[in-house]
Amino acid sequence: MLLLSSASPPKQKIIISLSAVAIIVSGLIILLIYPCITRIKELSNEIFTQRVELEKIYLRGQNLKQTLEQYQQIKPTVLLLNRAYIQSGQELDLFTSLENLSENNNIVPNIKLTSTTPKEKTIKTLPLQITLVSNFTNLMNYLVGLENLDYYLNISTIRINTGSVNPQEVFNNHSNITTLLLANAYYKP
């Protein structure tokens, strides 16, 4: 091995000194700087991962906030829908409402429950057959009132029999109209 001595030419001393500095710098890079760079990359990846997770959590929080706001907006509608269904055992309230509506419009109703075979896993219904005899104006008022009831009634059939050949008599309330309504009321699921 060559040692630096006073007898070595100055050019060789410079080359050996530069080589020694290069080896020391390379050693520092390999032993100190490279592990630091690797650790910085690992920390950067961890920070990115945590940032993505925090964004997901933030978005879930925003979705929850929006959902709560939307629920507050539709809450009155939900309460209205709950009133539209018949509570089990409270069928009398529906019949009372129908009879009051008929009485207010000078109509004598004939309300019958019709039977249906219940289907499995379906919404429970209360099938109704309502027969009305009245004049045209009272019938129209009754139908408007029926539409405005708090209960949800799905009318599947309307049969109207005027009993008169002259439509002018019907519209001038000089003739009675017989109306048959087939409807379903629904129980609260």
N, C-alpha and C. Protein backbone atom coordinates (compact mmCIF):
# COMPACT_ATOMS: atom_id res chain seq x y z
N MET A 1 0.84 -1.16 0.00
CA MET A 1 0.00 0.00 0.00
C MET A 1 0.89 1.23 0.00
N LEU A 2 0.44 2.20 -0.64
CA LEU A 2 1.24 3.42 -0.75
C LEU A 2 0.95 4.32 0.42
N LEU A 3 1.91 4.82 0.99
CA LEU A 3 1.75 5.78 2.08
C LEU A 3 2.20 7.13 1.58
N LEU A 4 1.54 8.12 2.16
CA LEU A 4 1.94 9.46 1.78
C LEU A 4 3.23 9.81 2.52
N SER A 5 4.19 10.04 1.79
CA SER A 5 5.46 10.45 2.39
C SER A 5 5.99 11.66 1.64
N SER A 6 6.97 12.19 2.19
CA SER A 6 7.52 13.37 1.57
C SER A 6 8.21 13.04 0.26
N ALA A 7 8.51 11.75 0.06
CA ALA A 7 9.20 11.37 -1.16
C ALA A 7 8.22 11.14 -2.31
N SER A 8 6.90 11.07 -2.01
CA SER A 8 5.91 10.83 -3.07
C SER A 8 5.76 12.10 -3.89
N PRO A 9 5.53 11.90 -5.15
CA PRO A 9 5.35 13.09 -5.97
C PRO A 9 4.05 13.81 -5.59
N PRO A 10 4.01 15.10 -5.75
CA PRO A 10 2.85 15.87 -5.34
C PRO A 10 1.58 15.46 -6.10
N LYS A 11 1.69 15.02 -7.30
CA LYS A 11 0.53 14.61 -8.06
C LYS A 11 -0.11 13.38 -7.42
N GLN A 12 0.71 12.47 -6.99
CA GLN A 12 0.23 11.26 -6.36
C GLN A 12 -0.42 11.58 -5.02
N LYS A 13 0.12 12.53 -4.29
CA LYS A 13 -0.45 12.93 -3.01
C LYS A 13 -1.87 13.48 -3.21
N ILE A 14 -2.05 14.25 -4.26
CA ILE A 14 -3.36 14.85 -4.54
C ILE A 14 -4.36 13.76 -4.89
N ILE A 15 -3.93 12.81 -5.71
CA ILE A 15 -4.83 11.73 -6.12
C ILE A 15 -5.22 10.88 -4.91
N ILE A 16 -4.27 10.57 -4.09
CA ILE A 16 -4.55 9.77 -2.90
C ILE A 16 -5.45 10.55 -1.95
N SER A 17 -5.22 11.81 -1.77
CA SER A 17 -6.05 12.64 -0.89
C SER A 17 -7.48 12.72 -1.42
N LEU A 18 -7.58 12.93 -2.72
CA LEU A 18 -8.92 12.99 -3.32
C LEU A 18 -9.64 11.65 -3.20
N SER A 19 -8.91 10.58 -3.41
CA SER A 19 -9.50 9.25 -3.28
C SER A 19 -9.96 9.01 -1.85
N ALA A 20 -9.19 9.41 -0.89
CA ALA A 20 -9.54 9.23 0.52
C ALA A 20 -10.79 10.05 0.86
N VAL A 21 -10.85 11.27 0.37
CA VAL A 21 -12.02 12.12 0.60
C VAL A 21 -13.24 11.50 -0.07
N ALA A 22 -13.06 10.97 -1.30
CA ALA A 22 -14.16 10.34 -2.01
C ALA A 22 -14.66 9.11 -1.25
N ILE A 23 -13.77 8.32 -0.72
CA ILE A 23 -14.16 7.13 0.04
C ILE A 23 -14.89 7.54 1.31
N ILE A 24 -14.41 8.56 1.98
CA ILE A 24 -15.06 9.03 3.22
C ILE A 24 -16.45 9.59 2.91
N VAL A 25 -16.57 10.37 1.85
CA VAL A 25 -17.87 10.93 1.46
C VAL A 25 -18.83 9.81 1.05
N SER A 26 -18.31 8.84 0.29
CA SER A 26 -19.15 7.70 -0.10
C SER A 26 -19.60 6.92 1.12
N GLY A 27 -18.72 6.74 2.04
CA GLY A 27 -19.07 6.04 3.29
C GLY A 27 -20.13 6.80 4.07
N LEU A 28 -20.00 8.13 4.14
CA LEU A 28 -21.02 8.94 4.81
C LEU A 28 -22.37 8.83 4.10
N ILE A 29 -22.32 8.86 2.76
CA ILE A 29 -23.56 8.76 1.99
C ILE A 29 -24.22 7.41 2.25
N ILE A 30 -23.42 6.35 2.19
CA ILE A 30 -23.98 5.01 2.36
C ILE A 30 -24.45 4.80 3.80
N LEU A 31 -23.68 5.24 4.76
CA LEU A 31 -24.00 4.96 6.15
C LEU A 31 -24.98 5.96 6.78
N LEU A 32 -25.01 7.19 6.34
CA LEU A 32 -25.87 8.19 6.98
C LEU A 32 -27.00 8.71 6.08
N ILE A 33 -26.68 9.16 4.92
CA ILE A 33 -27.65 9.86 4.09
C ILE A 33 -28.65 8.89 3.46
N TYR A 34 -28.23 7.73 2.93
CA TYR A 34 -29.13 6.79 2.29
C TYR A 34 -30.21 6.28 3.28
N PRO A 35 -29.85 5.89 4.50
CA PRO A 35 -30.90 5.47 5.44
C PRO A 35 -31.87 6.62 5.77
N CYS A 36 -31.36 7.83 5.84
CA CYS A 36 -32.24 8.99 6.10
C CYS A 36 -33.21 9.19 4.95
N ILE A 37 -32.73 9.07 3.71
CA ILE A 37 -33.60 9.23 2.54
C ILE A 37 -34.66 8.13 2.52
N THR A 38 -34.25 6.90 2.82
CA THR A 38 -35.20 5.78 2.86
C THR A 38 -36.26 6.03 3.93
N ARG A 39 -35.86 6.48 5.09
CA ARG A 39 -36.80 6.76 6.18
C ARG A 39 -37.74 7.91 5.81
N ILE A 40 -37.23 8.91 5.13
CA ILE A 40 -38.06 10.04 4.68
C ILE A 40 -39.11 9.55 3.70
N LYS A 41 -38.75 8.65 2.78
CA LYS A 41 -39.71 8.10 1.83
C LYS A 41 -40.79 7.29 2.56
N GLU A 42 -40.38 6.49 3.56
CA GLU A 42 -41.34 5.72 4.34
C GLU A 42 -42.31 6.64 5.08
N LEU A 43 -41.76 7.69 5.70
CA LEU A 43 -42.61 8.65 6.41
C LEU A 43 -43.55 9.37 5.45
N SER A 44 -43.06 9.68 4.26
CA SER A 44 -43.91 10.34 3.26
C SER A 44 -45.07 9.42 2.86
N ASN A 45 -44.80 8.13 2.68
CA ASN A 45 -45.86 7.18 2.34
C ASN A 45 -46.87 7.05 3.50
N GLU A 46 -46.37 7.00 4.72
CA GLU A 46 -47.26 6.92 5.88
C GLU A 46 -48.13 8.18 5.99
N ILE A 47 -47.54 9.33 5.75
CA ILE A 47 -48.29 10.59 5.80
C ILE A 47 -49.36 10.59 4.71
N PHE A 48 -49.03 10.12 3.53
CA PHE A 48 -50.00 10.06 2.45
C PHE A 48 -51.16 9.13 2.80
N THR A 49 -50.83 7.97 3.36
CA THR A 49 -51.86 7.00 3.76
C THR A 49 -52.77 7.60 4.82
N GLN A 50 -52.19 8.25 5.83
CA GLN A 50 -53.00 8.87 6.88
C GLN A 50 -53.85 10.00 6.31
N ARG A 51 -53.32 10.72 5.37
CA ARG A 51 -54.06 11.81 4.74
C ARG A 51 -55.29 11.27 4.01
N VAL A 52 -55.10 10.17 3.27
CA VAL A 52 -56.22 9.54 2.56
C VAL A 52 -57.27 9.06 3.57
N GLU A 53 -56.84 8.43 4.66
CA GLU A 53 -57.78 7.96 5.70
C GLU A 53 -58.53 9.14 6.33
N LEU A 54 -57.84 10.22 6.60
CA LEU A 54 -58.50 11.40 7.18
C LEU A 54 -59.51 12.00 6.21
N GLU A 55 -59.19 12.01 4.93
CA GLU A 55 -60.15 12.50 3.93
C GLU A 55 -61.39 11.63 3.89
N LYS A 56 -61.20 10.30 3.98
CA LYS A 56 -62.35 9.39 4.02
C LYS A 56 -63.21 9.65 5.24
N ILE A 57 -62.57 9.82 6.39
CA ILE A 57 -63.31 10.10 7.62
C ILE A 57 -64.04 11.44 7.51
N TYR A 58 -63.39 12.42 6.95
CA TYR A 58 -64.01 13.73 6.77
C TYR A 58 -65.24 13.64 5.86
N LEU A 59 -65.08 12.89 4.74
CA LEU A 59 -66.21 12.72 3.82
C LEU A 59 -67.36 11.97 4.49
N ARG A 60 -67.05 10.96 5.30
CA ARG A 60 -68.11 10.26 6.02
C ARG A 60 -68.81 11.20 6.98
N GLY A 61 -68.04 12.06 7.63
CA GLY A 61 -68.64 13.05 8.53
C GLY A 61 -69.52 14.02 7.76
N GLN A 62 -69.09 14.43 6.58
CA GLN A 62 -69.90 15.32 5.75
C GLN A 62 -71.17 14.61 5.30
N ASN A 63 -71.04 13.33 4.91
CA ASN A 63 -72.22 12.57 4.50
C ASN A 63 -73.20 12.42 5.65
N LEU A 64 -72.69 12.18 6.84
CA LEU A 64 -73.55 12.07 8.01
C LEU A 64 -74.26 13.40 8.27
N LYS A 65 -73.53 14.48 8.13
CA LYS A 65 -74.12 15.81 8.33
C LYS A 65 -75.21 16.07 7.30
N GLN A 66 -74.94 15.73 6.03
CA GLN A 66 -75.94 15.92 4.98
C GLN A 66 -77.15 15.03 5.22
N THR A 67 -76.90 13.79 5.64
CA THR A 67 -78.00 12.86 5.90
C THR A 67 -78.88 13.39 7.02
N LEU A 68 -78.28 13.91 8.08
CA LEU A 68 -79.06 14.46 9.18
C LEU A 68 -79.87 15.68 8.73
N GLU A 69 -79.27 16.52 7.88
CA GLU A 69 -80.00 17.68 7.37
C GLU A 69 -81.17 17.23 6.49
N GLN A 70 -80.94 16.24 5.64
CA GLN A 70 -82.00 15.73 4.78
C GLN A 70 -83.11 15.09 5.61
N TYR A 71 -82.73 14.38 6.67
CA TYR A 71 -83.73 13.77 7.54
C TYR A 71 -84.58 14.85 8.21
N GLN A 72 -83.95 15.92 8.65
CA GLN A 72 -84.71 17.00 9.29
C GLN A 72 -85.68 17.63 8.29
N GLN A 73 -85.29 17.67 7.02
CA GLN A 73 -86.16 18.24 5.99
C GLN A 73 -87.36 17.34 5.71
N ILE A 74 -87.15 16.02 5.73
CA ILE A 74 -88.26 15.12 5.40
C ILE A 74 -88.98 14.59 6.63
N LYS A 75 -88.54 14.97 7.81
CA LYS A 75 -89.17 14.47 9.05
C LYS A 75 -90.67 14.76 9.08
N PRO A 76 -91.15 15.95 8.70
CA PRO A 76 -92.60 16.17 8.69
C PRO A 76 -93.32 15.24 7.72
N THR A 77 -92.68 14.93 6.60
CA THR A 77 -93.29 14.02 5.63
C THR A 77 -93.37 12.61 6.20
N VAL A 78 -92.35 12.20 6.93
CA VAL A 78 -92.36 10.87 7.55
C VAL A 78 -93.51 10.78 8.55
N LEU A 79 -93.70 11.83 9.33
CA LEU A 79 -94.81 11.82 10.29
C LEU A 79 -96.15 11.76 9.56
N LEU A 80 -96.27 12.48 8.45
CA LEU A 80 -97.49 12.45 7.66
C LEU A 80 -97.72 11.05 7.09
N LEU A 81 -96.66 10.42 6.60
CA LEU A 81 -96.79 9.06 6.06
C LEU A 81 -97.17 8.07 7.16
N ASN A 82 -96.65 8.26 8.35
CA ASN A 82 -97.03 7.36 9.44
C ASN A 82 -98.51 7.49 9.76
N ARG A 83 -99.06 8.68 9.63
CA ARG A 83 -100.50 8.87 9.88
C ARG A 83 -101.33 8.30 8.74
N ALA A 84 -100.77 8.18 7.53
CA ALA A 84 -101.51 7.71 6.37
C ALA A 84 -101.82 6.22 6.46
N TYR A 85 -101.04 5.49 7.21
CA TYR A 85 -101.27 4.06 7.36
C TYR A 85 -102.19 3.81 8.55
N ILE A 86 -102.92 2.71 8.46
CA ILE A 86 -103.81 2.32 9.56
C ILE A 86 -102.98 1.56 10.58
N GLN A 87 -103.14 1.93 11.83
CA GLN A 87 -102.51 1.17 12.90
C GLN A 87 -103.35 -0.08 13.14
N SER A 88 -102.71 -1.18 13.38
CA SER A 88 -103.44 -2.42 13.63
C SER A 88 -104.34 -2.23 14.85
N GLY A 89 -105.62 -2.53 14.68
CA GLY A 89 -106.59 -2.35 15.76
C GLY A 89 -107.26 -0.99 15.74
N GLN A 90 -106.87 -0.09 14.83
CA GLN A 90 -107.43 1.26 14.76
C GLN A 90 -108.26 1.45 13.48
N GLU A 91 -108.83 0.38 12.97
CA GLU A 91 -109.61 0.45 11.73
C GLU A 91 -110.85 1.34 11.89
N LEU A 92 -111.37 1.40 13.11
CA LEU A 92 -112.57 2.18 13.38
C LEU A 92 -112.35 3.66 13.05
N ASP A 93 -111.14 4.16 13.25
CA ASP A 93 -110.85 5.57 12.92
C ASP A 93 -111.04 5.83 11.43
N LEU A 94 -110.62 4.90 10.60
CA LEU A 94 -110.81 5.05 9.15
C LEU A 94 -112.29 5.06 8.81
N PHE A 95 -113.05 4.11 9.37
CA PHE A 95 -114.49 4.04 9.09
C PHE A 95 -115.20 5.29 9.58
N THR A 96 -114.80 5.80 10.72
CA THR A 96 -115.39 7.03 11.26
C THR A 96 -115.11 8.20 10.32
N SER A 97 -113.88 8.29 9.81
CA SER A 97 -113.53 9.36 8.88
C SER A 97 -114.35 9.26 7.60
N LEU A 98 -114.53 8.05 7.09
CA LEU A 98 -115.33 7.87 5.87
C LEU A 98 -116.80 8.22 6.12
N GLU A 99 -117.34 7.83 7.26
CA GLU A 99 -118.73 8.15 7.57
C GLU A 99 -118.93 9.65 7.79
N ASN A 100 -117.98 10.29 8.47
CA ASN A 100 -118.07 11.75 8.66
C ASN A 100 -118.02 12.48 7.32
N LEU A 101 -117.16 12.02 6.44
CA LEU A 101 -117.07 12.62 5.11
C LEU A 101 -118.39 12.46 4.36
N SER A 102 -119.00 11.29 4.47
CA SER A 102 -120.30 11.05 3.82
C SER A 102 -121.37 11.94 4.41
N GLU A 103 -121.38 12.04 5.73
CA GLU A 103 -122.38 12.86 6.41
C GLU A 103 -122.24 14.33 6.02
N ASN A 104 -121.01 14.81 5.91
CA ASN A 104 -120.78 16.21 5.53
C ASN A 104 -121.24 16.50 4.11
N ASN A 105 -121.33 15.48 3.27
CA ASN A 105 -121.73 15.66 1.88
C ASN A 105 -123.13 15.10 1.60
N ASN A 106 -123.90 14.85 2.65
CA ASN A 106 -125.28 14.35 2.53
C ASN A 106 -125.35 13.07 1.71
N ILE A 107 -124.48 12.15 2.01
CA ILE A 107 -124.43 10.87 1.32
C ILE A 107 -124.57 9.78 2.37
N VAL A 108 -125.37 8.78 2.04
CA VAL A 108 -125.47 7.62 2.92
C VAL A 108 -124.57 6.54 2.32
N PRO A 109 -123.47 6.22 3.03
CA PRO A 109 -122.54 5.24 2.47
C PRO A 109 -122.91 3.83 2.89
N ASN A 110 -122.48 2.89 2.11
CA ASN A 110 -122.55 1.49 2.47
C ASN A 110 -121.12 0.97 2.36
N ILE A 111 -120.45 0.82 3.50
CA ILE A 111 -119.04 0.45 3.52
C ILE A 111 -118.94 -1.01 3.94
N LYS A 112 -118.29 -1.80 3.12
CA LYS A 112 -118.12 -3.22 3.41
C LYS A 112 -116.64 -3.57 3.33
N LEU A 113 -116.27 -4.50 4.17
CA LEU A 113 -114.92 -5.07 4.06
C LEU A 113 -115.01 -6.24 3.10
N THR A 114 -114.11 -6.29 2.16
CA THR A 114 -114.07 -7.44 1.26
C THR A 114 -112.91 -8.31 1.68
N SER A 115 -113.01 -9.55 1.41
CA SER A 115 -111.94 -10.46 1.84
C SER A 115 -111.01 -10.75 0.68
N THR A 116 -109.77 -10.87 1.02
CA THR A 116 -108.76 -11.27 0.05
C THR A 116 -107.88 -12.30 0.73
N THR A 117 -107.25 -13.10 -0.05
CA THR A 117 -106.33 -14.06 0.52
C THR A 117 -104.99 -13.37 0.73
N PRO A 118 -104.51 -13.35 1.97
CA PRO A 118 -103.24 -12.65 2.22
C PRO A 118 -102.07 -13.36 1.55
N LYS A 119 -101.23 -12.57 0.95
CA LYS A 119 -100.01 -13.08 0.33
C LYS A 119 -98.88 -12.95 1.34
N GLU A 120 -98.00 -13.89 1.27
CA GLU A 120 -96.87 -13.85 2.21
C GLU A 120 -95.91 -12.72 1.84
N LYS A 121 -95.33 -12.12 2.87
CA LYS A 121 -94.31 -11.08 2.72
C LYS A 121 -94.78 -9.88 1.91
N THR A 122 -96.04 -9.51 2.04
CA THR A 122 -96.53 -8.31 1.38
C THR A 122 -97.08 -7.37 2.45
N ILE A 123 -97.36 -6.17 2.05
CA ILE A 123 -97.95 -5.20 2.96
C ILE A 123 -99.39 -5.60 3.22
N LYS A 124 -99.77 -5.57 4.46
CA LYS A 124 -101.13 -5.97 4.84
C LYS A 124 -102.10 -4.86 4.45
N THR A 125 -103.17 -5.26 3.74
CA THR A 125 -104.15 -4.28 3.26
C THR A 125 -105.50 -4.52 3.91
N LEU A 126 -106.31 -3.49 3.87
CA LEU A 126 -107.69 -3.54 4.33
C LEU A 126 -108.55 -3.23 3.12
N PRO A 127 -109.07 -4.26 2.42
CA PRO A 127 -109.87 -4.01 1.22
C PRO A 127 -111.27 -3.50 1.58
N LEU A 128 -111.70 -2.46 0.88
CA LEU A 128 -112.99 -1.81 1.15
C LEU A 128 -113.84 -1.78 -0.11
N GLN A 129 -115.16 -1.89 0.10
CA GLN A 129 -116.12 -1.68 -0.98
C GLN A 129 -117.08 -0.61 -0.48
N ILE A 130 -117.07 0.54 -1.13
CA ILE A 130 -117.88 1.67 -0.69
C ILE A 130 -118.91 1.95 -1.79
N THR A 131 -120.20 1.89 -1.40
CA THR A 131 -121.28 2.20 -2.33
C THR A 131 -121.90 3.52 -1.89
N LEU A 132 -122.05 4.44 -2.83
CA LEU A 132 -122.57 5.77 -2.54
C LEU A 132 -123.74 6.07 -3.48
N VAL A 133 -124.77 6.69 -2.93
CA VAL A 133 -125.88 7.17 -3.75
C VAL A 133 -126.05 8.64 -3.41
N SER A 134 -125.89 9.49 -4.43
CA SER A 134 -126.00 10.93 -4.19
C SER A 134 -126.13 11.65 -5.52
N ASN A 135 -126.24 12.97 -5.42
CA ASN A 135 -126.26 13.75 -6.66
C ASN A 135 -124.81 14.05 -7.08
N PHE A 136 -124.68 14.65 -8.24
CA PHE A 136 -123.35 14.87 -8.83
C PHE A 136 -122.46 15.76 -7.95
N THR A 137 -122.99 16.86 -7.46
CA THR A 137 -122.19 17.81 -6.67
C THR A 137 -121.70 17.15 -5.38
N ASN A 138 -122.60 16.48 -4.68
CA ASN A 138 -122.20 15.82 -3.43
C ASN A 138 -121.18 14.72 -3.68
N LEU A 139 -121.34 14.00 -4.78
CA LEU A 139 -120.38 12.95 -5.11
C LEU A 139 -118.99 13.53 -5.38
N MET A 140 -118.93 14.63 -6.13
CA MET A 140 -117.63 15.26 -6.42
C MET A 140 -117.00 15.79 -5.12
N ASN A 141 -117.80 16.38 -4.26
CA ASN A 141 -117.29 16.87 -2.98
C ASN A 141 -116.78 15.70 -2.13
N TYR A 142 -117.48 14.58 -2.17
CA TYR A 142 -117.06 13.41 -1.42
C TYR A 142 -115.71 12.90 -1.95
N LEU A 143 -115.57 12.83 -3.26
CA LEU A 143 -114.31 12.35 -3.85
C LEU A 143 -113.14 13.28 -3.52
N VAL A 144 -113.40 14.58 -3.52
CA VAL A 144 -112.35 15.53 -3.13
C VAL A 144 -111.99 15.33 -1.66
N GLY A 145 -113.00 15.16 -0.83
CA GLY A 145 -112.76 14.91 0.59
C GLY A 145 -112.03 13.60 0.82
N LEU A 146 -112.37 12.59 0.04
CA LEU A 146 -111.70 11.30 0.13
C LEU A 146 -110.21 11.44 -0.21
N GLU A 147 -109.95 12.25 -1.21
CA GLU A 147 -108.56 12.49 -1.60
C GLU A 147 -107.80 13.24 -0.50
N ASN A 148 -108.48 14.08 0.25
CA ASN A 148 -107.83 14.89 1.28
C ASN A 148 -107.75 14.21 2.65
N LEU A 149 -108.28 13.00 2.76
CA LEU A 149 -108.18 12.28 4.03
C LEU A 149 -106.73 12.02 4.38
N ASP A 150 -106.46 11.90 5.67
CA ASP A 150 -105.10 11.60 6.10
C ASP A 150 -104.69 10.19 5.73
N TYR A 151 -105.64 9.30 5.49
CA TYR A 151 -105.33 7.92 5.20
C TYR A 151 -104.98 7.73 3.74
N TYR A 152 -104.11 6.78 3.50
CA TYR A 152 -103.73 6.45 2.12
C TYR A 152 -104.69 5.38 1.62
N LEU A 153 -105.53 5.74 0.67
CA LEU A 153 -106.46 4.81 0.05
C LEU A 153 -106.09 4.68 -1.42
N ASN A 154 -105.97 3.45 -1.86
CA ASN A 154 -105.68 3.19 -3.26
C ASN A 154 -106.96 2.66 -3.89
N ILE A 155 -107.59 3.49 -4.71
CA ILE A 155 -108.85 3.10 -5.35
C ILE A 155 -108.51 2.36 -6.63
N SER A 156 -108.94 1.10 -6.68
CA SER A 156 -108.65 0.29 -7.86
C SER A 156 -109.78 0.33 -8.88
N THR A 157 -111.02 0.54 -8.41
CA THR A 157 -112.15 0.54 -9.32
C THR A 157 -113.15 1.61 -8.92
N ILE A 158 -113.66 2.34 -9.91
CA ILE A 158 -114.77 3.28 -9.70
C ILE A 158 -115.82 2.94 -10.75
N ARG A 159 -117.00 2.61 -10.29
CA ARG A 159 -118.13 2.36 -11.21
C ARG A 159 -119.20 3.39 -10.91
N ILE A 160 -119.58 4.12 -11.94
CA ILE A 160 -120.59 5.17 -11.78
C ILE A 160 -121.78 4.82 -12.66
N ASN A 161 -122.95 4.81 -12.04
CA ASN A 161 -124.19 4.53 -12.77
C ASN A 161 -125.12 5.72 -12.53
N THR A 162 -125.45 6.39 -13.60
CA THR A 162 -126.28 7.60 -13.45
C THR A 162 -127.75 7.27 -13.32
N GLY A 163 -128.21 6.19 -13.89
CA GLY A 163 -129.64 5.86 -13.83
C GLY A 163 -130.47 6.77 -14.71
N SER A 164 -129.82 7.64 -15.44
CA SER A 164 -130.54 8.57 -16.30
C SER A 164 -129.85 8.60 -17.66
N VAL A 165 -130.65 8.73 -18.68
CA VAL A 165 -130.10 8.81 -20.03
C VAL A 165 -129.67 10.24 -20.34
N ASN A 166 -130.27 11.21 -19.70
CA ASN A 166 -130.01 12.61 -19.97
C ASN A 166 -128.87 13.11 -19.06
N PRO A 167 -127.70 13.43 -19.61
CA PRO A 167 -126.59 13.91 -18.79
C PRO A 167 -126.89 15.26 -18.12
N GLN A 168 -127.76 16.06 -18.71
CA GLN A 168 -128.10 17.37 -18.16
C GLN A 168 -128.77 17.20 -16.78
N GLU A 169 -129.59 16.20 -16.62
CA GLU A 169 -130.24 15.93 -15.34
C GLU A 169 -129.21 15.59 -14.27
N VAL A 170 -128.19 14.83 -14.66
CA VAL A 170 -127.14 14.43 -13.70
C VAL A 170 -126.35 15.64 -13.24
N PHE A 171 -125.93 16.48 -14.18
CA PHE A 171 -125.10 17.63 -13.83
C PHE A 171 -125.88 18.72 -13.11
N ASN A 172 -127.19 18.76 -13.29
CA ASN A 172 -128.02 19.74 -12.59
C ASN A 172 -128.54 19.22 -11.26
N ASN A 173 -127.99 18.08 -10.81
CA ASN A 173 -128.34 17.47 -9.51
C ASN A 173 -129.81 17.06 -9.43
N HIS A 174 -130.44 16.72 -10.55
CA HIS A 174 -131.83 16.25 -10.54
C HIS A 174 -131.91 14.73 -10.54
N SER A 175 -130.77 14.08 -10.63
CA SER A 175 -130.76 12.62 -10.69
C SER A 175 -129.71 12.09 -9.73
N ASN A 176 -129.98 10.98 -9.12
CA ASN A 176 -129.02 10.35 -8.23
C ASN A 176 -128.02 9.51 -9.02
N ILE A 177 -126.83 9.48 -8.49
CA ILE A 177 -125.75 8.71 -9.10
C ILE A 177 -125.37 7.63 -8.10
N THR A 178 -125.28 6.40 -8.57
CA THR A 178 -124.82 5.31 -7.73
C THR A 178 -123.36 5.06 -8.09
N THR A 179 -122.53 5.07 -7.07
CA THR A 179 -121.09 4.92 -7.29
C THR A 179 -120.58 3.77 -6.44
N LEU A 180 -119.76 2.93 -7.04
CA LEU A 180 -119.11 1.84 -6.33
C LEU A 180 -117.61 2.09 -6.38
N LEU A 181 -117.00 2.15 -5.20
CA LEU A 181 -115.55 2.33 -5.10
C LEU A 181 -114.96 1.06 -4.49
N LEU A 182 -113.99 0.49 -5.15
CA LEU A 182 -113.20 -0.62 -4.58
C LEU A 182 -111.85 -0.04 -4.25
N ALA A 183 -111.50 -0.10 -2.97
CA ALA A 183 -110.27 0.55 -2.52
C ALA A 183 -109.53 -0.33 -1.53
N ASN A 184 -108.28 0.00 -1.34
CA ASN A 184 -107.44 -0.67 -0.33
C ASN A 184 -106.85 0.40 0.57
N ALA A 185 -106.98 0.17 1.87
CA ALA A 185 -106.25 0.97 2.85
C ALA A 185 -105.10 0.08 3.32
N TYR A 186 -104.04 0.70 3.81
CA TYR A 186 -102.85 -0.07 4.12
C TYR A 186 -102.49 0.06 5.60
N TYR A 187 -102.10 -1.09 6.16
CA TYR A 187 -101.63 -1.11 7.54
C TYR A 187 -100.18 -0.67 7.58
N LYS A 188 -99.82 -0.09 8.70
CA LYS A 188 -98.43 0.34 8.87
C LYS A 188 -97.52 -0.88 8.88
N PRO A 189 -96.49 -0.86 8.04
CA PRO A 189 -95.59 -2.04 7.98
C PRO A 189 -94.79 -2.20 9.25
